[in-house]
Amino acid sequence: MPIDETRRLLPVNIAVLTVSDTRDLASDRSGQTLVELIERDGHRVVSREIVKDEVPAIESRLRAYILDAAIDCVISTGGTGITGRDVTPEAFERVLEKKIEGFGELFRWISYQKIKTSTIQSRAVGGVANGTYLFALPGSPGACKDGWEEILKFQLDSRWRPCNLVELMPRLKEHLKG
């Protein structure tokens, strides 16, 4: 299941959202890791923001992203753990129309290879809302790298075979028509 080099890469417009009570752009290593990987692989980072670990703030930002026709995908980092301030999955739940269950399952399987049973603390989640892909990764640079390098890099590459998420993008809003 390789990259089909005979096909042209269709760049995806991606928003990077860091969920944190303590980070700013200068100290946001996870967000920066995502930006570097996304751009290295030929995609466009069209927005990069930081919001507090608060459901209304995260939900509001996600809703703004899914209304923006210039954004195809949102990747968040942070707030997916199990402490009291970790509320990213709850905010995603309020926005998602369809979950991509396999994303979280696969992320935890990949994570298990590295951190063993500690992966149960991750509530990474993925889905679709208003034709926009939404993915929530844990708040460490390593987890962001794993999520991108092992899953999203391929699924957001229009050349990936046998299939990829990019080729489904034109059909994501079928349920909203007439």
N, C-alpha and C. Protein backbone atom coordinates (compact mmCIF):
# COMPACT_ATOMS: atom_id res chain seq x y z
N MET A 1 0.83 -1.19 0.00
CA MET A 1 0.00 0.00 0.00
C MET A 1 0.87 1.25 0.00
N PRO A 2 1.56 1.50 -1.09
CA PRO A 2 2.48 2.63 -1.13
C PRO A 2 1.85 3.92 -1.63
N ILE A 3 2.67 4.94 -1.64
CA ILE A 3 2.33 6.20 -2.29
C ILE A 3 2.44 5.96 -3.80
N ASP A 4 1.43 6.34 -4.54
CA ASP A 4 1.44 6.20 -6.00
C ASP A 4 2.08 7.46 -6.58
N GLU A 5 3.35 7.35 -6.93
CA GLU A 5 4.13 8.50 -7.41
C GLU A 5 3.65 9.01 -8.76
N THR A 6 2.79 8.26 -9.46
CA THR A 6 2.27 8.74 -10.74
C THR A 6 1.16 9.75 -10.54
N ARG A 7 0.66 9.86 -9.34
CA ARG A 7 -0.41 10.81 -9.04
C ARG A 7 0.17 12.08 -8.42
N ARG A 8 -0.56 13.17 -8.55
CA ARG A 8 -0.14 14.46 -8.01
C ARG A 8 -0.67 14.61 -6.58
N LEU A 9 0.17 15.13 -5.68
CA LEU A 9 -0.27 15.42 -4.32
C LEU A 9 -1.25 16.59 -4.35
N LEU A 10 -2.39 16.42 -3.71
CA LEU A 10 -3.36 17.50 -3.54
C LEU A 10 -3.17 18.06 -2.14
N PRO A 11 -2.57 19.24 -2.00
CA PRO A 11 -2.32 19.79 -0.66
C PRO A 11 -3.63 20.01 0.11
N VAL A 12 -3.61 19.68 1.38
CA VAL A 12 -4.75 19.85 2.27
C VAL A 12 -4.50 21.09 3.12
N ASN A 13 -5.55 21.90 3.31
CA ASN A 13 -5.47 23.08 4.18
C ASN A 13 -5.80 22.66 5.60
N ILE A 14 -4.85 22.83 6.50
CA ILE A 14 -4.97 22.29 7.86
C ILE A 14 -4.84 23.40 8.90
N ALA A 15 -5.74 23.38 9.89
CA ALA A 15 -5.65 24.25 11.05
C ALA A 15 -5.05 23.44 12.20
N VAL A 16 -4.09 24.02 12.90
CA VAL A 16 -3.48 23.38 14.06
C VAL A 16 -3.96 24.13 15.30
N LEU A 17 -4.57 23.39 16.22
CA LEU A 17 -5.13 23.96 17.44
C LEU A 17 -4.49 23.31 18.65
N THR A 18 -3.81 24.09 19.45
CA THR A 18 -3.23 23.58 20.69
C THR A 18 -4.18 23.91 21.83
N VAL A 19 -4.47 22.91 22.64
CA VAL A 19 -5.34 23.08 23.81
C VAL A 19 -4.43 23.05 25.04
N SER A 20 -4.34 24.19 25.72
CA SER A 20 -3.42 24.27 26.86
C SER A 20 -3.74 25.50 27.71
N ASP A 21 -3.59 25.34 29.00
CA ASP A 21 -3.72 26.46 29.93
C ASP A 21 -2.39 27.19 30.14
N THR A 22 -1.29 26.58 29.69
CA THR A 22 0.02 27.10 30.02
C THR A 22 0.90 27.48 28.82
N ARG A 23 0.57 27.03 27.64
CA ARG A 23 1.43 27.27 26.48
C ARG A 23 1.09 28.58 25.76
N ASP A 24 2.12 29.13 25.12
CA ASP A 24 1.94 30.20 24.15
C ASP A 24 2.67 29.73 22.89
N LEU A 25 2.64 30.52 21.81
CA LEU A 25 3.26 30.07 20.57
C LEU A 25 4.75 29.77 20.72
N ALA A 26 5.43 30.50 21.57
CA ALA A 26 6.86 30.29 21.76
C ALA A 26 7.17 28.98 22.48
N SER A 27 6.29 28.54 23.36
CA SER A 27 6.56 27.32 24.14
C SER A 27 5.75 26.11 23.68
N ASP A 28 5.00 26.26 22.62
CA ASP A 28 4.14 25.19 22.12
C ASP A 28 4.91 24.24 21.20
N ARG A 29 5.63 23.32 21.79
CA ARG A 29 6.44 22.37 21.02
C ARG A 29 5.58 21.39 20.22
N SER A 30 4.44 20.98 20.77
CA SER A 30 3.58 20.03 20.06
C SER A 30 2.97 20.65 18.81
N GLY A 31 2.44 21.84 18.95
CA GLY A 31 1.89 22.54 17.80
C GLY A 31 2.95 22.80 16.74
N GLN A 32 4.13 23.20 17.19
CA GLN A 32 5.23 23.45 16.25
C GLN A 32 5.65 22.17 15.53
N THR A 33 5.66 21.06 16.24
CA THR A 33 5.98 19.77 15.62
C THR A 33 4.98 19.48 14.50
N LEU A 34 3.70 19.67 14.78
CA LEU A 34 2.68 19.43 13.75
C LEU A 34 2.88 20.35 12.56
N VAL A 35 3.11 21.63 12.80
CA VAL A 35 3.30 22.59 11.70
C VAL A 35 4.46 22.14 10.81
N GLU A 36 5.57 21.77 11.42
CA GLU A 36 6.74 21.36 10.65
C GLU A 36 6.47 20.12 9.82
N LEU A 37 5.81 19.12 10.40
CA LEU A 37 5.53 17.88 9.68
C LEU A 37 4.52 18.10 8.54
N ILE A 38 3.49 18.88 8.82
CA ILE A 38 2.46 19.16 7.82
C ILE A 38 3.08 19.87 6.62
N GLU A 39 3.86 20.90 6.87
CA GLU A 39 4.47 21.67 5.78
C GLU A 39 5.52 20.85 5.05
N ARG A 40 6.29 20.05 5.78
CA ARG A 40 7.30 19.20 5.14
C ARG A 40 6.68 18.28 4.11
N ASP A 41 5.46 17.81 4.42
CA ASP A 41 4.80 16.84 3.54
C ASP A 41 3.91 17.48 2.49
N GLY A 42 4.06 18.80 2.28
CA GLY A 42 3.43 19.46 1.16
C GLY A 42 2.04 20.02 1.39
N HIS A 43 1.60 20.05 2.64
CA HIS A 43 0.28 20.61 2.96
C HIS A 43 0.44 22.04 3.47
N ARG A 44 -0.68 22.72 3.66
CA ARG A 44 -0.67 24.11 4.10
C ARG A 44 -1.27 24.25 5.50
N VAL A 45 -0.55 24.91 6.38
CA VAL A 45 -1.09 25.28 7.69
C VAL A 45 -1.73 26.65 7.49
N VAL A 46 -3.06 26.68 7.54
CA VAL A 46 -3.78 27.93 7.28
C VAL A 46 -4.19 28.66 8.56
N SER A 47 -4.03 27.99 9.69
CA SER A 47 -4.31 28.61 10.98
C SER A 47 -3.56 27.84 12.05
N ARG A 48 -3.07 28.60 13.03
CA ARG A 48 -2.45 27.99 14.21
C ARG A 48 -2.85 28.82 15.41
N GLU A 49 -3.52 28.19 16.36
CA GLU A 49 -4.02 28.91 17.53
C GLU A 49 -3.85 28.07 18.79
N ILE A 50 -3.98 28.76 19.91
CA ILE A 50 -3.97 28.10 21.22
C ILE A 50 -5.23 28.52 21.95
N VAL A 51 -5.93 27.54 22.54
CA VAL A 51 -7.11 27.83 23.36
C VAL A 51 -6.95 27.15 24.71
N LYS A 52 -7.63 27.68 25.70
CA LYS A 52 -7.60 27.11 27.06
C LYS A 52 -8.34 25.78 27.10
N ASP A 53 -8.01 24.97 28.11
CA ASP A 53 -8.67 23.68 28.34
C ASP A 53 -10.08 23.92 28.90
N GLU A 54 -10.95 24.44 28.06
CA GLU A 54 -12.33 24.71 28.45
C GLU A 54 -13.23 24.32 27.29
N VAL A 55 -14.23 23.49 27.57
CA VAL A 55 -15.10 22.98 26.52
C VAL A 55 -15.68 24.10 25.65
N PRO A 56 -16.26 25.17 26.23
CA PRO A 56 -16.82 26.21 25.36
C PRO A 56 -15.79 26.85 24.43
N ALA A 57 -14.58 27.08 24.91
CA ALA A 57 -13.53 27.69 24.08
C ALA A 57 -13.12 26.77 22.94
N ILE A 58 -12.94 25.49 23.25
CA ILE A 58 -12.54 24.53 22.22
C ILE A 58 -13.67 24.36 21.21
N GLU A 59 -14.88 24.18 21.71
CA GLU A 59 -16.04 24.00 20.83
C GLU A 59 -16.22 25.21 19.91
N SER A 60 -16.11 26.40 20.44
CA SER A 60 -16.26 27.61 19.65
C SER A 60 -15.23 27.68 18.52
N ARG A 61 -14.00 27.34 18.84
CA ARG A 61 -12.94 27.36 17.83
C ARG A 61 -13.20 26.31 16.76
N LEU A 62 -13.59 25.10 17.17
CA LEU A 62 -13.88 24.03 16.20
C LEU A 62 -15.03 24.44 15.29
N ARG A 63 -16.07 25.04 15.86
CA ARG A 63 -17.22 25.46 15.05
C ARG A 63 -16.82 26.54 14.04
N ALA A 64 -15.95 27.44 14.44
CA ALA A 64 -15.47 28.47 13.50
C ALA A 64 -14.67 27.81 12.37
N TYR A 65 -13.84 26.85 12.72
CA TYR A 65 -13.05 26.16 11.70
C TYR A 65 -13.94 25.44 10.69
N ILE A 66 -14.96 24.73 11.17
CA ILE A 66 -15.77 23.95 10.23
C ILE A 66 -16.66 24.82 9.35
N LEU A 67 -16.83 26.06 9.72
CA LEU A 67 -17.58 27.00 8.87
C LEU A 67 -16.68 27.70 7.85
N ASP A 68 -15.38 27.57 8.02
CA ASP A 68 -14.42 28.23 7.15
C ASP A 68 -14.11 27.32 5.95
N ALA A 69 -14.55 27.72 4.78
CA ALA A 69 -14.36 26.91 3.57
C ALA A 69 -12.89 26.73 3.21
N ALA A 70 -12.00 27.54 3.77
CA ALA A 70 -10.58 27.42 3.48
C ALA A 70 -9.89 26.35 4.32
N ILE A 71 -10.62 25.72 5.25
CA ILE A 71 -10.03 24.70 6.12
C ILE A 71 -10.64 23.34 5.81
N ASP A 72 -9.77 22.39 5.46
CA ASP A 72 -10.19 21.02 5.15
C ASP A 72 -10.09 20.10 6.35
N CYS A 73 -9.18 20.41 7.25
CA CYS A 73 -8.87 19.50 8.35
C CYS A 73 -8.37 20.31 9.55
N VAL A 74 -8.73 19.87 10.74
CA VAL A 74 -8.24 20.46 11.98
C VAL A 74 -7.52 19.35 12.75
N ILE A 75 -6.32 19.65 13.20
CA ILE A 75 -5.60 18.72 14.07
C ILE A 75 -5.31 19.46 15.37
N SER A 76 -5.85 18.93 16.45
CA SER A 76 -5.58 19.55 17.75
C SER A 76 -4.57 18.71 18.51
N THR A 77 -3.92 19.36 19.45
CA THR A 77 -2.98 18.68 20.33
C THR A 77 -3.23 19.16 21.75
N GLY A 78 -3.35 18.22 22.66
CA GLY A 78 -3.56 18.55 24.07
C GLY A 78 -4.97 18.31 24.53
N GLY A 79 -5.09 18.06 25.83
CA GLY A 79 -6.40 17.92 26.46
C GLY A 79 -7.09 16.59 26.25
N THR A 80 -6.35 15.57 25.80
CA THR A 80 -6.98 14.27 25.53
C THR A 80 -6.75 13.25 26.64
N GLY A 81 -6.14 13.67 27.72
CA GLY A 81 -5.86 12.75 28.83
C GLY A 81 -7.08 12.56 29.72
N ILE A 82 -6.83 12.19 30.96
CA ILE A 82 -7.94 11.86 31.86
C ILE A 82 -7.99 12.73 33.12
N THR A 83 -7.16 13.79 33.17
CA THR A 83 -7.22 14.65 34.33
C THR A 83 -8.44 15.57 34.25
N GLY A 84 -8.69 16.27 35.30
CA GLY A 84 -9.87 17.13 35.37
C GLY A 84 -9.93 18.21 34.31
N ARG A 85 -8.78 18.72 33.87
CA ARG A 85 -8.74 19.80 32.87
C ARG A 85 -8.71 19.26 31.44
N ASP A 86 -8.60 17.96 31.25
CA ASP A 86 -8.55 17.37 29.91
C ASP A 86 -9.96 17.21 29.36
N VAL A 87 -10.37 18.15 28.49
CA VAL A 87 -11.76 18.15 28.01
C VAL A 87 -11.88 18.22 26.48
N THR A 88 -10.78 18.02 25.77
CA THR A 88 -10.84 18.10 24.31
C THR A 88 -11.82 17.09 23.71
N PRO A 89 -11.82 15.82 24.12
CA PRO A 89 -12.79 14.89 23.52
C PRO A 89 -14.25 15.29 23.77
N GLU A 90 -14.52 15.89 24.93
CA GLU A 90 -15.88 16.34 25.22
C GLU A 90 -16.29 17.47 24.27
N ALA A 91 -15.37 18.37 23.98
CA ALA A 91 -15.65 19.45 23.04
C ALA A 91 -15.85 18.90 21.63
N PHE A 92 -15.00 17.96 21.23
CA PHE A 92 -15.15 17.33 19.91
C PHE A 92 -16.51 16.64 19.81
N GLU A 93 -16.93 15.98 20.87
CA GLU A 93 -18.20 15.27 20.88
C GLU A 93 -19.37 16.20 20.56
N ARG A 94 -19.29 17.44 21.01
CA ARG A 94 -20.35 18.42 20.76
C ARG A 94 -20.40 18.88 19.30
N VAL A 95 -19.29 18.69 18.58
CA VAL A 95 -19.18 19.21 17.22
C VAL A 95 -19.29 18.12 16.15
N LEU A 96 -18.74 16.95 16.42
CA LEU A 96 -18.67 15.90 15.41
C LEU A 96 -20.05 15.44 14.93
N GLU A 97 -20.17 15.25 13.63
CA GLU A 97 -21.35 14.62 13.04
C GLU A 97 -21.14 13.11 12.93
N LYS A 98 -19.92 12.73 12.58
CA LYS A 98 -19.56 11.31 12.48
C LYS A 98 -18.20 11.11 13.10
N LYS A 99 -18.07 10.08 13.90
CA LYS A 99 -16.77 9.72 14.47
C LYS A 99 -16.03 8.83 13.49
N ILE A 100 -14.72 8.95 13.50
CA ILE A 100 -13.86 8.01 12.80
C ILE A 100 -13.22 7.16 13.89
N GLU A 101 -13.95 6.14 14.32
CA GLU A 101 -13.53 5.31 15.47
C GLU A 101 -12.13 4.74 15.28
N GLY A 102 -11.83 4.34 14.06
CA GLY A 102 -10.54 3.71 13.79
C GLY A 102 -9.35 4.60 14.08
N PHE A 103 -9.53 5.92 14.02
CA PHE A 103 -8.40 6.81 14.28
C PHE A 103 -7.89 6.63 15.71
N GLY A 104 -8.78 6.75 16.69
CA GLY A 104 -8.36 6.60 18.08
C GLY A 104 -7.86 5.20 18.37
N GLU A 105 -8.52 4.21 17.79
CA GLU A 105 -8.09 2.82 18.00
C GLU A 105 -6.69 2.60 17.46
N LEU A 106 -6.46 3.06 16.22
CA LEU A 106 -5.15 2.88 15.61
C LEU A 106 -4.08 3.70 16.34
N PHE A 107 -4.42 4.92 16.74
CA PHE A 107 -3.45 5.73 17.48
C PHE A 107 -3.01 5.00 18.75
N ARG A 108 -3.96 4.45 19.49
CA ARG A 108 -3.60 3.76 20.73
C ARG A 108 -2.80 2.49 20.45
N TRP A 109 -3.07 1.80 19.36
CA TRP A 109 -2.30 0.61 19.00
C TRP A 109 -0.85 1.01 18.70
N ILE A 110 -0.68 2.08 17.93
CA ILE A 110 0.66 2.58 17.62
C ILE A 110 1.36 3.02 18.90
N SER A 111 0.65 3.74 19.74
CA SER A 111 1.20 4.22 21.00
C SER A 111 1.60 3.06 21.91
N TYR A 112 0.82 2.00 21.91
CA TYR A 112 1.12 0.83 22.73
C TYR A 112 2.50 0.26 22.39
N GLN A 113 2.87 0.32 21.12
CA GLN A 113 4.17 -0.20 20.70
C GLN A 113 5.31 0.55 21.40
N LYS A 114 5.05 1.77 21.83
CA LYS A 114 6.10 2.61 22.42
C LYS A 114 5.97 2.77 23.93
N ILE A 115 4.74 2.96 24.41
CA ILE A 115 4.58 3.25 25.84
C ILE A 115 3.77 2.18 26.57
N LYS A 116 3.52 1.10 25.88
CA LYS A 116 2.80 -0.05 26.45
C LYS A 116 1.45 0.38 27.04
N THR A 117 1.12 -0.13 28.21
CA THR A 117 -0.24 0.07 28.73
C THR A 117 -0.56 1.51 29.12
N SER A 118 0.43 2.37 29.18
CA SER A 118 0.16 3.79 29.47
C SER A 118 -0.73 4.42 28.40
N THR A 119 -0.84 3.76 27.25
CA THR A 119 -1.68 4.29 26.17
C THR A 119 -3.16 4.36 26.55
N ILE A 120 -3.57 3.64 27.59
CA ILE A 120 -4.99 3.71 27.98
C ILE A 120 -5.37 5.10 28.47
N GLN A 121 -4.37 5.93 28.78
CA GLN A 121 -4.65 7.29 29.24
C GLN A 121 -4.97 8.25 28.10
N SER A 122 -4.82 7.79 26.87
CA SER A 122 -5.08 8.65 25.71
C SER A 122 -6.51 8.50 25.23
N ARG A 123 -7.15 9.64 25.00
CA ARG A 123 -8.50 9.64 24.43
C ARG A 123 -8.48 10.32 23.07
N ALA A 124 -7.45 10.02 22.27
CA ALA A 124 -7.35 10.57 20.91
C ALA A 124 -8.63 10.21 20.16
N VAL A 125 -9.12 11.16 19.36
CA VAL A 125 -10.39 10.98 18.68
C VAL A 125 -10.33 11.63 17.30
N GLY A 126 -11.13 11.11 16.38
CA GLY A 126 -11.22 11.70 15.06
C GLY A 126 -12.65 11.66 14.56
N GLY A 127 -12.95 12.52 13.59
CA GLY A 127 -14.29 12.52 13.02
C GLY A 127 -14.44 13.57 11.93
N VAL A 128 -15.70 13.81 11.57
CA VAL A 128 -16.05 14.74 10.51
C VAL A 128 -17.19 15.63 10.98
N ALA A 129 -17.13 16.91 10.62
CA ALA A 129 -18.23 17.84 10.87
C ALA A 129 -18.25 18.87 9.75
N ASN A 130 -19.40 19.05 9.15
CA ASN A 130 -19.60 20.01 8.07
C ASN A 130 -18.54 19.86 6.97
N GLY A 131 -18.19 18.62 6.66
CA GLY A 131 -17.23 18.36 5.59
C GLY A 131 -15.79 18.59 5.96
N THR A 132 -15.50 18.80 7.23
CA THR A 132 -14.14 19.05 7.71
C THR A 132 -13.70 17.90 8.60
N TYR A 133 -12.50 17.40 8.36
CA TYR A 133 -11.94 16.37 9.23
C TYR A 133 -11.43 17.02 10.51
N LEU A 134 -11.67 16.34 11.63
CA LEU A 134 -11.21 16.82 12.94
C LEU A 134 -10.49 15.68 13.65
N PHE A 135 -9.27 15.93 14.09
CA PHE A 135 -8.48 14.94 14.80
C PHE A 135 -7.89 15.55 16.07
N ALA A 136 -8.00 14.85 17.19
CA ALA A 136 -7.45 15.30 18.46
C ALA A 136 -6.34 14.35 18.89
N LEU A 137 -5.14 14.90 19.03
CA LEU A 137 -3.98 14.14 19.47
C LEU A 137 -3.56 14.57 20.87
N PRO A 138 -2.86 13.71 21.59
CA PRO A 138 -2.33 14.11 22.89
C PRO A 138 -1.35 15.28 22.76
N GLY A 139 -1.03 15.89 23.88
CA GLY A 139 -0.24 17.12 23.90
C GLY A 139 1.25 16.96 24.04
N SER A 140 1.82 15.89 23.54
CA SER A 140 3.28 15.76 23.55
C SER A 140 3.79 15.75 22.12
N PRO A 141 4.99 16.29 21.90
CA PRO A 141 5.55 16.26 20.55
C PRO A 141 5.65 14.83 20.00
N GLY A 142 6.00 13.87 20.85
CA GLY A 142 6.10 12.48 20.40
C GLY A 142 4.78 11.93 19.92
N ALA A 143 3.71 12.23 20.66
CA ALA A 143 2.39 11.76 20.25
C ALA A 143 1.95 12.43 18.95
N CYS A 144 2.27 13.71 18.80
CA CYS A 144 1.94 14.41 17.55
C CYS A 144 2.70 13.81 16.38
N LYS A 145 3.97 13.51 16.62
CA LYS A 145 4.77 12.89 15.56
C LYS A 145 4.20 11.52 15.20
N ASP A 146 3.86 10.72 16.20
CA ASP A 146 3.29 9.39 15.92
C ASP A 146 1.98 9.50 15.16
N GLY A 147 1.11 10.40 15.59
CA GLY A 147 -0.19 10.55 14.93
C GLY A 147 -0.04 10.98 13.49
N TRP A 148 0.91 11.90 13.24
CA TRP A 148 1.12 12.35 11.87
C TRP A 148 1.85 11.30 11.04
N GLU A 149 3.00 10.86 11.52
CA GLU A 149 3.86 9.96 10.74
C GLU A 149 3.26 8.59 10.49
N GLU A 150 2.43 8.12 11.41
CA GLU A 150 1.91 6.76 11.30
C GLU A 150 0.49 6.69 10.74
N ILE A 151 -0.27 7.79 10.78
CA ILE A 151 -1.66 7.75 10.34
C ILE A 151 -1.97 8.89 9.37
N LEU A 152 -1.95 10.11 9.87
CA LEU A 152 -2.45 11.25 9.11
C LEU A 152 -1.63 11.55 7.87
N LYS A 153 -0.34 11.38 7.93
CA LYS A 153 0.53 11.61 6.78
C LYS A 153 0.02 10.82 5.57
N PHE A 154 -0.41 9.62 5.79
CA PHE A 154 -0.87 8.76 4.70
C PHE A 154 -2.32 9.02 4.33
N GLN A 155 -3.17 9.14 5.33
CA GLN A 155 -4.58 9.34 5.03
C GLN A 155 -4.89 10.72 4.45
N LEU A 156 -4.01 11.70 4.67
CA LEU A 156 -4.20 13.02 4.08
C LEU A 156 -3.35 13.21 2.82
N ASP A 157 -2.81 12.12 2.30
CA ASP A 157 -2.04 12.15 1.06
C ASP A 157 -2.90 11.54 -0.05
N SER A 158 -3.25 12.35 -1.03
CA SER A 158 -4.13 11.92 -2.11
C SER A 158 -3.53 10.80 -2.96
N ARG A 159 -2.25 10.53 -2.79
CA ARG A 159 -1.59 9.48 -3.58
C ARG A 159 -1.56 8.14 -2.87
N TRP A 160 -2.01 8.08 -1.62
CA TRP A 160 -1.93 6.86 -0.82
C TRP A 160 -2.93 5.83 -1.33
N ARG A 161 -2.50 4.61 -1.49
CA ARG A 161 -3.33 3.52 -1.97
C ARG A 161 -3.37 2.40 -0.95
N PRO A 162 -4.53 1.77 -0.76
CA PRO A 162 -5.61 1.68 -1.73
C PRO A 162 -6.63 2.82 -1.66
N CYS A 163 -6.68 3.55 -0.55
CA CYS A 163 -7.63 4.66 -0.45
C CYS A 163 -7.13 5.64 0.61
N ASN A 164 -7.73 6.84 0.62
CA ASN A 164 -7.30 7.86 1.56
C ASN A 164 -8.48 8.78 1.85
N LEU A 165 -8.34 9.60 2.87
CA LEU A 165 -9.41 10.52 3.26
C LEU A 165 -9.60 11.66 2.27
N VAL A 166 -8.56 12.04 1.56
CA VAL A 166 -8.65 13.16 0.63
C VAL A 166 -9.64 12.86 -0.49
N GLU A 167 -9.62 11.65 -1.00
CA GLU A 167 -10.53 11.33 -2.11
C GLU A 167 -11.99 11.32 -1.67
N LEU A 168 -12.24 11.26 -0.39
CA LEU A 168 -13.62 11.30 0.11
C LEU A 168 -14.11 12.72 0.36
N MET A 169 -13.22 13.69 0.37
CA MET A 169 -13.58 15.07 0.71
C MET A 169 -14.73 15.64 -0.13
N PRO A 170 -14.78 15.40 -1.44
CA PRO A 170 -15.90 15.95 -2.21
C PRO A 170 -17.26 15.39 -1.81
N ARG A 171 -17.28 14.27 -1.10
CA ARG A 171 -18.55 13.62 -0.74
C ARG A 171 -18.93 13.81 0.72
N LEU A 172 -18.15 14.52 1.49
CA LEU A 172 -18.40 14.64 2.93
C LEU A 172 -19.66 15.43 3.27
N LYS A 173 -20.15 16.25 2.34
CA LYS A 173 -21.33 17.07 2.62
C LYS A 173 -22.58 16.57 1.88
N GLU A 174 -22.53 15.34 1.39
CA GLU A 174 -23.68 14.80 0.63
C GLU A 174 -24.98 14.88 1.44
N HIS A 175 -24.90 14.62 2.72
CA HIS A 175 -26.10 14.61 3.56
C HIS A 175 -26.69 16.00 3.77
N LEU A 176 -25.93 17.04 3.43
CA LEU A 176 -26.39 18.41 3.63
C LEU A 176 -27.08 18.99 2.39
N LYS A 177 -27.01 18.26 1.28
CA LYS A 177 -27.61 18.75 0.03
C LYS A 177 -29.10 18.50 0.00
N GLY A 178 -29.83 19.48 -0.53
CA GLY A 178 -31.27 19.44 -0.80
C GLY A 178 -32.00 18.53 0.06
